[in-house]
Amino acid sequence: MRRDAANDISDSEKNALIAHNKSTISKLLSINYPDITFRYNGS
């Protein structure tokens, strides 16, 4: 029954979280590792 709780998060919400995390990671990498950032932006 606990598995159903995970389904409370819709796909659109998951995608929004993933997109936000990617943009945050890209920003951090662009500051610390500018040459690696393009790999995250491309995916």
PDB file of N, CA and C in Angstrom:
ATOM      1  N   MET A   1       0.823  -1.206   0.000  1.00  0.00           N
ATOM      2  CA  MET A   1       0.000   0.000   0.000  1.00  0.00           C
ATOM      3  C   MET A   1       0.858   1.258   0.000  1.00  0.00           C
ATOM      4  N   ARG A   2       2.074   1.151   0.476  1.00  0.00           N
ATOM      5  CA  ARG A   2       2.947   2.323   0.493  1.00  0.00           C
ATOM      6  C   ARG A   2       3.359   2.744  -0.913  1.00  0.00           C
ATOM      7  N   ARG A   3       3.357   1.792  -1.840  1.00  0.00           N
ATOM      8  CA  ARG A   3       3.755   2.122  -3.208  1.00  0.00           C
ATOM      9  C   ARG A   3       2.767   3.097  -3.838  1.00  0.00           C
ATOM     10  N   ASP A   4       1.502   3.048  -3.407  1.00  0.00           N
ATOM     11  CA  ASP A   4       0.495   3.946  -3.958  1.00  0.00           C
ATOM     12  C   ASP A   4       0.800   5.401  -3.613  1.00  0.00           C
ATOM     13  N   ALA A   5       1.453   5.627  -2.497  1.00  0.00           N
ATOM     14  CA  ALA A   5       1.758   6.997  -2.085  1.00  0.00           C
ATOM     15  C   ALA A   5       2.683   7.673  -3.097  1.00  0.00           C
ATOM     16  N   ALA A   6       3.576   6.892  -3.682  1.00  0.00           N
ATOM     17  CA  ALA A   6       4.495   7.455  -4.666  1.00  0.00           C
ATOM     18  C   ALA A   6       3.745   7.908  -5.912  1.00  0.00           C
ATOM     19  N   ASN A   7       2.608   7.259  -6.188  1.00  0.00           N
ATOM     20  CA  ASN A   7       1.828   7.601  -7.371  1.00  0.00           C
ATOM     21  C   ASN A   7       1.050   8.897  -7.201  1.00  0.00           C
ATOM     22  N   ASP A   8       1.035   9.451  -5.989  1.00  0.00           N
ATOM     23  CA  ASP A   8       0.344  10.716  -5.758  1.00  0.00           C
ATOM     24  C   ASP A   8       1.021  11.843  -6.527  1.00  0.00           C
ATOM     25  N   ILE A   9       2.304  11.692  -6.799  1.00  0.00           N
ATOM     26  CA  ILE A   9       3.032  12.687  -7.587  1.00  0.00           C
ATOM     27  C   ILE A   9       2.793  12.385  -9.061  1.00  0.00           C
ATOM     28  N   SER A  10       2.200  13.341  -9.765  1.00  0.00           N
ATOM     29  CA  SER A  10       1.879  13.134 -11.175  1.00  0.00           C
ATOM     30  C   SER A  10       3.135  13.184 -12.033  1.00  0.00           C
ATOM     31  N   ASP A  11       3.030  12.682 -13.263  1.00  0.00           N
ATOM     32  CA  ASP A  11       4.175  12.691 -14.171  1.00  0.00           C
ATOM     33  C   ASP A  11       4.634  14.112 -14.451  1.00  0.00           C
ATOM     34  N   SER A  12       3.687  15.036 -14.592  1.00  0.00           N
ATOM     35  CA  SER A  12       4.061  16.416 -14.888  1.00  0.00           C
ATOM     36  C   SER A  12       4.846  17.025 -13.735  1.00  0.00           C
ATOM     37  N   GLU A  13       4.472  16.666 -12.525  1.00  0.00           N
ATOM     38  CA  GLU A  13       5.200  17.172 -11.365  1.00  0.00           C
ATOM     39  C   GLU A  13       6.597  16.566 -11.303  1.00  0.00           C
ATOM     40  N   LYS A  14       6.693  15.281 -11.636  1.00  0.00           N
ATOM     41  CA  LYS A  14       8.006  14.639 -11.663  1.00  0.00           C
ATOM     42  C   LYS A  14       8.899  15.305 -12.701  1.00  0.00           C
ATOM     43  N   ASN A  15       8.334  15.552 -13.892  1.00  0.00           N
ATOM     44  CA  ASN A  15       9.107  16.179 -14.958  1.00  0.00           C
ATOM     45  C   ASN A  15       9.541  17.578 -14.564  1.00  0.00           C
ATOM     46  N   ALA A  16       8.683  18.297 -13.851  1.00  0.00           N
ATOM     47  CA  ALA A  16       9.025  19.646 -13.408  1.00  0.00           C
ATOM     48  C   ALA A  16      10.183  19.601 -12.417  1.00  0.00           C
ATOM     49  N   LEU A  17      10.150  18.629 -11.517  1.00  0.00           N
ATOM     50  CA  LEU A  17      11.227  18.481 -10.543  1.00  0.00           C
ATOM     51  C   LEU A  17      12.533  18.120 -11.234  1.00  0.00           C
ATOM     52  N   ILE A  18      12.452  17.202 -12.197  1.00  0.00           N
ATOM     53  CA  ILE A  18      13.645  16.779 -12.928  1.00  0.00           C
ATOM     54  C   ILE A  18      14.243  17.957 -13.687  1.00  0.00           C
ATOM     55  N   ALA A  19      13.385  18.728 -14.352  1.00  0.00           N
ATOM     56  CA  ALA A  19      13.860  19.879 -15.115  1.00  0.00           C
ATOM     57  C   ALA A  19      14.500  20.903 -14.188  1.00  0.00           C
ATOM     58  N   HIS A  20      13.895  21.118 -13.033  1.00  0.00           N
ATOM     59  CA  HIS A  20      14.437  22.084 -12.072  1.00  0.00           C
ATOM     60  C   HIS A  20      15.790  21.613 -11.555  1.00  0.00           C
ATOM     61  N   ASN A  21      15.895  20.317 -11.257  1.00  0.00           N
ATOM     62  CA  ASN A  21      17.155  19.772 -10.769  1.00  0.00           C
ATOM     63  C   ASN A  21      18.244  19.884 -11.820  1.00  0.00           C
ATOM     64  N   LYS A  22      17.894  19.622 -13.088  1.00  0.00           N
ATOM     65  CA  LYS A  22      18.878  19.719 -14.162  1.00  0.00           C
ATOM     66  C   LYS A  22      19.376  21.147 -14.310  1.00  0.00           C
ATOM     67  N   SER A  23      18.455  22.113 -14.233  1.00  0.00           N
ATOM     68  CA  SER A  23      18.860  23.505 -14.394  1.00  0.00           C
ATOM     69  C   SER A  23      19.732  23.949 -13.225  1.00  0.00           C
ATOM     70  N   THR A  24      19.408  23.460 -12.032  1.00  0.00           N
ATOM     71  CA  THR A  24      20.209  23.806 -10.856  1.00  0.00           C
ATOM     72  C   THR A  24      21.602  23.208 -10.972  1.00  0.00           C
ATOM     73  N   ILE A  25      21.674  21.955 -11.385  1.00  0.00           N
ATOM     74  CA  ILE A  25      22.965  21.288 -11.567  1.00  0.00           C
ATOM     75  C   ILE A  25      23.782  22.014 -12.631  1.00  0.00           C
ATOM     76  N   SER A  26      23.122  22.410 -13.713  1.00  0.00           N
ATOM     77  CA  SER A  26      23.816  23.096 -14.792  1.00  0.00           C
ATOM     78  C   SER A  26      24.387  24.419 -14.316  1.00  0.00           C
ATOM     79  N   LYS A  27      23.620  25.133 -13.492  1.00  0.00           N
ATOM     80  CA  LYS A  27      24.101  26.415 -12.974  1.00  0.00           C
ATOM     81  C   LYS A  27      25.311  26.214 -12.082  1.00  0.00           C
ATOM     82  N   LEU A  28      25.255  25.205 -11.215  1.00  0.00           N
ATOM     83  CA  LEU A  28      26.375  24.936 -10.320  1.00  0.00           C
ATOM     84  C   LEU A  28      27.611  24.528 -11.115  1.00  0.00           C
ATOM     85  N   LEU A  29      27.412  23.692 -12.126  1.00  0.00           N
ATOM     86  CA  LEU A  29      28.538  23.238 -12.931  1.00  0.00           C
ATOM     87  C   LEU A  29      29.111  24.372 -13.762  1.00  0.00           C
ATOM     88  N   SER A  30      28.241  25.260 -14.242  1.00  0.00           N
ATOM     89  CA  SER A  30      28.723  26.357 -15.077  1.00  0.00           C
ATOM     90  C   SER A  30      29.614  27.287 -14.265  1.00  0.00           C
ATOM     91  N   ILE A  31      29.371  27.324 -12.949  1.00  0.00           N
ATOM     92  CA  ILE A  31      30.204  28.154 -12.079  1.00  0.00           C
ATOM     93  C   ILE A  31      31.524  27.447 -11.775  1.00  0.00           C
ATOM     94  N   ASN A  32      31.433  26.162 -11.445  1.00  0.00           N
ATOM     95  CA  ASN A  32      32.612  25.420 -11.009  1.00  0.00           C
ATOM     96  C   ASN A  32      33.352  24.726 -12.151  1.00  0.00           C
ATOM     97  N   TYR A  33      32.583  24.180 -13.103  1.00  0.00           N
ATOM     98  CA  TYR A  33      33.188  23.425 -14.198  1.00  0.00           C
ATOM     99  C   TYR A  33      32.542  23.821 -15.524  1.00  0.00           C
ATOM    100  N   PRO A  34      32.907  24.962 -16.077  1.00  0.00           N
ATOM    101  CA  PRO A  34      32.257  25.466 -17.298  1.00  0.00           C
ATOM    102  C   PRO A  34      32.334  24.492 -18.468  1.00  0.00           C
ATOM    103  N   ASP A  35      33.389  23.688 -18.550  1.00  0.00           N
ATOM    104  CA  ASP A  35      33.570  22.807 -19.705  1.00  0.00           C
ATOM    105  C   ASP A  35      32.669  21.575 -19.631  1.00  0.00           C
ATOM    106  N   ILE A  36      32.126  21.262 -18.457  1.00  0.00           N
ATOM    107  CA  ILE A  36      31.293  20.067 -18.300  1.00  0.00           C
ATOM    108  C   ILE A  36      29.811  20.394 -18.471  1.00  0.00           C
ATOM    109  N   THR A  37      29.469  21.662 -18.332  1.00  0.00           N
ATOM    110  CA  THR A  37      28.067  22.086 -18.312  1.00  0.00           C
ATOM    111  C   THR A  37      27.305  21.636 -19.548  1.00  0.00           C
ATOM    112  N   PHE A  38      27.950  21.644 -20.701  1.00  0.00           N
ATOM    113  CA  PHE A  38      27.248  21.352 -21.950  1.00  0.00           C
ATOM    114  C   PHE A  38      26.669  19.945 -21.964  1.00  0.00           C
ATOM    115  N   ARG A  39      27.281  19.024 -21.262  1.00  0.00           N
ATOM    116  CA  ARG A  39      26.772  17.651 -21.222  1.00  0.00           C
ATOM    117  C   ARG A  39      25.398  17.617 -20.563  1.00  0.00           C
ATOM    118  N   TYR A  40      25.201  18.408 -19.526  1.00  0.00           N
ATOM    119  CA  TYR A  40      23.919  18.416 -18.821  1.00  0.00           C
ATOM    120  C   TYR A  40      22.869  19.188 -19.602  1.00  0.00           C
ATOM    121  N   ASN A  41      23.272  20.269 -20.253  1.00  0.00           N
ATOM    122  CA  ASN A  41      22.320  21.058 -21.033  1.00  0.00           C
ATOM    123  C   ASN A  41      21.843  20.286 -22.247  1.00  0.00           C
ATOM    124  N   GLY A  42      22.697  19.418 -22.780  1.00  0.00           N
ATOM    125  CA  GLY A  42      22.337  18.682 -23.982  1.00  0.00           C
ATOM    126  C   GLY A  42      21.381  17.539 -23.724  1.00  0.00           C
ATOM    127  N   SER A  43      21.379  17.011 -22.506  1.00  0.00           N
ATOM    128  CA  SER A  43      20.540  15.848 -22.219  1.00  0.00           C
ATOM    129  C   SER A  43      19.130  16.223 -21.831  1.00  0.00           C
TER     130      SER A  43
END
